[in-house]
Amino acid sequence: MGGTHQGYFLPHEGANNIAYALFTFPSLAAYEEYRVKMALDAECQEAYKFAEETKCILSYKRSFMRPIFE
């Protein structure tokens, strides 16, 4: 849907209630397009419904980062 999935990450030590899913997008506009497409996608809607029903995701936090070196 326009982004590159970099992987899922869990802490090796420390907090056990955090997980990271990292994606990269060529621009903020591409990310916004992804958000629209994701909201309309049947598989994404099913995954969201599963997360709501099972409460396996307690919260979402988004961060926007830039690479130090390009």
N, C-alpha and C. Protein backbone atom coordinates (compact mmCIF):
# COMPACT_ATOMS: atom_id res chain seq x y z
N MET A 1 0.82 -1.20 0.00
CA MET A 1 0.00 0.00 0.00
C MET A 1 0.86 1.26 0.00
N GLY A 2 2.06 1.16 -0.53
CA GLY A 2 2.89 2.33 -0.69
C GLY A 2 4.06 2.45 0.26
N GLY A 3 4.13 1.60 1.27
CA GLY A 3 5.23 1.66 2.22
C GLY A 3 6.07 0.40 2.15
N THR A 4 7.22 0.45 2.79
CA THR A 4 8.09 -0.72 2.90
C THR A 4 8.09 -1.17 4.35
N HIS A 5 7.72 -2.42 4.57
CA HIS A 5 7.67 -2.97 5.93
C HIS A 5 9.08 -3.37 6.33
N GLN A 6 9.59 -2.78 7.40
CA GLN A 6 10.94 -3.04 7.88
C GLN A 6 10.99 -4.16 8.91
N GLY A 7 9.83 -4.55 9.46
CA GLY A 7 9.80 -5.66 10.40
C GLY A 7 9.06 -5.34 11.67
N TYR A 8 8.88 -6.37 12.48
CA TYR A 8 8.28 -6.25 13.81
C TYR A 8 9.39 -6.47 14.83
N PHE A 9 9.37 -5.70 15.90
CA PHE A 9 10.44 -5.77 16.89
C PHE A 9 9.85 -5.80 18.30
N LEU A 10 10.44 -6.64 19.15
CA LEU A 10 10.10 -6.74 20.56
C LEU A 10 11.35 -6.44 21.38
N PRO A 11 11.19 -5.86 22.56
CA PRO A 11 12.36 -5.62 23.40
C PRO A 11 13.03 -6.93 23.78
N HIS A 12 14.34 -6.92 23.79
CA HIS A 12 15.11 -8.10 24.23
C HIS A 12 15.12 -8.18 25.75
N GLU A 13 15.17 -7.02 26.38
CA GLU A 13 15.12 -6.92 27.84
C GLU A 13 14.25 -5.73 28.19
N GLY A 14 13.81 -5.68 29.41
CA GLY A 14 13.03 -4.52 29.85
C GLY A 14 11.54 -4.74 29.68
N ALA A 15 10.85 -3.69 29.23
CA ALA A 15 9.39 -3.72 29.11
C ALA A 15 8.92 -4.90 28.26
N ASN A 16 7.83 -5.54 28.70
CA ASN A 16 7.30 -6.68 27.95
C ASN A 16 5.92 -6.37 27.37
N ASN A 17 5.55 -5.11 27.34
CA ASN A 17 4.24 -4.73 26.81
C ASN A 17 4.36 -3.77 25.63
N ILE A 18 5.50 -3.83 24.95
CA ILE A 18 5.74 -2.93 23.82
C ILE A 18 6.17 -3.77 22.63
N ALA A 19 5.69 -3.41 21.47
CA ALA A 19 6.15 -3.99 20.21
C ALA A 19 6.20 -2.88 19.18
N TYR A 20 7.11 -3.01 18.24
CA TYR A 20 7.25 -2.00 17.20
C TYR A 20 7.03 -2.64 15.83
N ALA A 21 6.27 -1.97 15.01
CA ALA A 21 6.12 -2.34 13.61
C ALA A 21 6.66 -1.15 12.83
N LEU A 22 7.74 -1.35 12.10
CA LEU A 22 8.38 -0.24 11.41
C LEU A 22 8.10 -0.29 9.91
N PHE A 23 7.66 0.84 9.40
CA PHE A 23 7.40 1.02 7.98
C PHE A 23 8.11 2.28 7.52
N THR A 24 8.55 2.29 6.28
CA THR A 24 9.08 3.52 5.70
C THR A 24 8.23 3.90 4.50
N PHE A 25 8.09 5.20 4.32
CA PHE A 25 7.33 5.75 3.20
C PHE A 25 8.18 6.83 2.54
N PRO A 26 8.03 6.99 1.23
CA PRO A 26 8.85 7.99 0.55
C PRO A 26 8.51 9.43 0.95
N SER A 27 7.31 9.65 1.49
CA SER A 27 6.91 11.00 1.88
C SER A 27 5.74 10.93 2.85
N LEU A 28 5.45 12.04 3.49
CA LEU A 28 4.29 12.11 4.38
C LEU A 28 3.01 11.94 3.56
N ALA A 29 2.99 12.45 2.35
CA ALA A 29 1.81 12.30 1.48
C ALA A 29 1.56 10.82 1.18
N ALA A 30 2.62 10.05 0.94
CA ALA A 30 2.48 8.61 0.68
C ALA A 30 1.94 7.91 1.92
N TYR A 31 2.38 8.34 3.10
CA TYR A 31 1.86 7.76 4.34
C TYR A 31 0.37 8.07 4.49
N GLU A 32 -0.03 9.29 4.21
CA GLU A 32 -1.45 9.65 4.30
C GLU A 32 -2.29 8.84 3.32
N GLU A 33 -1.76 8.58 2.13
CA GLU A 33 -2.45 7.73 1.15
C GLU A 33 -2.62 6.31 1.70
N TYR A 34 -1.56 5.81 2.32
CA TYR A 34 -1.60 4.49 2.94
C TYR A 34 -2.71 4.41 3.99
N ARG A 35 -2.85 5.45 4.81
CA ARG A 35 -3.87 5.46 5.86
C ARG A 35 -5.27 5.35 5.24
N VAL A 36 -5.50 6.03 4.14
CA VAL A 36 -6.80 5.97 3.46
C VAL A 36 -7.03 4.57 2.90
N LYS A 37 -6.03 4.03 2.21
CA LYS A 37 -6.15 2.69 1.62
C LYS A 37 -6.37 1.63 2.69
N MET A 38 -5.63 1.75 3.79
CA MET A 38 -5.73 0.78 4.88
C MET A 38 -7.14 0.77 5.47
N ALA A 39 -7.74 1.93 5.62
CA ALA A 39 -9.08 2.02 6.20
C ALA A 39 -10.14 1.37 5.31
N LEU A 40 -9.86 1.28 4.03
CA LEU A 40 -10.82 0.70 3.08
C LEU A 40 -10.54 -0.77 2.77
N ASP A 41 -9.40 -1.28 3.17
CA ASP A 41 -8.99 -2.64 2.85
C ASP A 41 -9.68 -3.67 3.74
N ALA A 42 -10.27 -4.69 3.14
CA ALA A 42 -11.03 -5.71 3.89
C ALA A 42 -10.15 -6.46 4.89
N GLU A 43 -8.93 -6.84 4.50
CA GLU A 43 -8.04 -7.56 5.41
C GLU A 43 -7.62 -6.68 6.59
N CYS A 44 -7.37 -5.43 6.34
CA CYS A 44 -7.01 -4.51 7.42
C CYS A 44 -8.18 -4.30 8.37
N GLN A 45 -9.38 -4.19 7.81
CA GLN A 45 -10.58 -4.04 8.66
C GLN A 45 -10.77 -5.28 9.53
N GLU A 46 -10.53 -6.46 8.96
CA GLU A 46 -10.66 -7.71 9.72
C GLU A 46 -9.63 -7.77 10.84
N ALA A 47 -8.39 -7.37 10.56
CA ALA A 47 -7.34 -7.37 11.59
C ALA A 47 -7.67 -6.38 12.70
N TYR A 48 -8.19 -5.21 12.33
CA TYR A 48 -8.56 -4.20 13.32
C TYR A 48 -9.69 -4.72 14.21
N LYS A 49 -10.66 -5.38 13.59
CA LYS A 49 -11.78 -5.94 14.36
C LYS A 49 -11.28 -7.02 15.33
N PHE A 50 -10.36 -7.87 14.86
CA PHE A 50 -9.78 -8.90 15.72
C PHE A 50 -9.08 -8.26 16.92
N ALA A 51 -8.30 -7.21 16.67
CA ALA A 51 -7.58 -6.54 17.76
C ALA A 51 -8.54 -5.91 18.76
N GLU A 52 -9.63 -5.35 18.26
CA GLU A 52 -10.62 -4.76 19.17
C GLU A 52 -11.31 -5.83 20.01
N GLU A 53 -11.68 -6.94 19.38
CA GLU A 53 -12.39 -8.01 20.09
C GLU A 53 -11.51 -8.70 21.12
N THR A 54 -10.26 -8.93 20.79
CA THR A 54 -9.37 -9.68 21.69
C THR A 54 -8.59 -8.76 22.62
N LYS A 55 -8.61 -7.47 22.35
CA LYS A 55 -7.85 -6.49 23.14
C LYS A 55 -6.35 -6.82 23.17
N CYS A 56 -5.86 -7.40 22.07
CA CYS A 56 -4.44 -7.75 22.00
C CYS A 56 -3.56 -6.52 21.74
N ILE A 57 -4.16 -5.42 21.33
CA ILE A 57 -3.43 -4.15 21.18
C ILE A 57 -4.06 -3.17 22.15
N LEU A 58 -3.26 -2.71 23.09
CA LEU A 58 -3.78 -1.81 24.12
C LEU A 58 -3.76 -0.35 23.68
N SER A 59 -2.78 0.02 22.88
CA SER A 59 -2.70 1.40 22.39
C SER A 59 -1.79 1.46 21.18
N TYR A 60 -1.98 2.51 20.40
CA TYR A 60 -1.14 2.79 19.25
C TYR A 60 -0.43 4.11 19.51
N LYS A 61 0.82 4.16 19.14
CA LYS A 61 1.56 5.41 19.18
C LYS A 61 2.35 5.49 17.89
N ARG A 62 2.24 6.62 17.22
CA ARG A 62 2.97 6.80 15.97
C ARG A 62 4.09 7.80 16.19
N SER A 63 5.22 7.49 15.59
CA SER A 63 6.36 8.41 15.60
C SER A 63 6.84 8.56 14.17
N PHE A 64 7.24 9.75 13.84
CA PHE A 64 7.79 10.03 12.51
C PHE A 64 9.25 10.39 12.69
N MET A 65 10.12 9.64 12.04
CA MET A 65 11.56 9.82 12.21
C MET A 65 12.23 10.05 10.87
N ARG A 66 13.41 10.62 10.95
CA ARG A 66 14.23 10.82 9.76
C ARG A 66 15.56 10.08 9.97
N PRO A 67 16.12 9.56 8.91
CA PRO A 67 17.43 8.91 9.06
C PRO A 67 18.51 9.94 9.39
N ILE A 68 19.48 9.53 10.15
CA ILE A 68 20.60 10.42 10.47
C ILE A 68 21.45 10.63 9.22
N PHE A 69 21.70 9.55 8.51
CA PHE A 69 22.49 9.62 7.28
C PHE A 69 21.61 9.17 6.13
N GLU A 70 21.72 9.83 5.03
CA GLU A 70 20.93 9.43 3.85
C GLU A 70 21.84 9.01 2.74
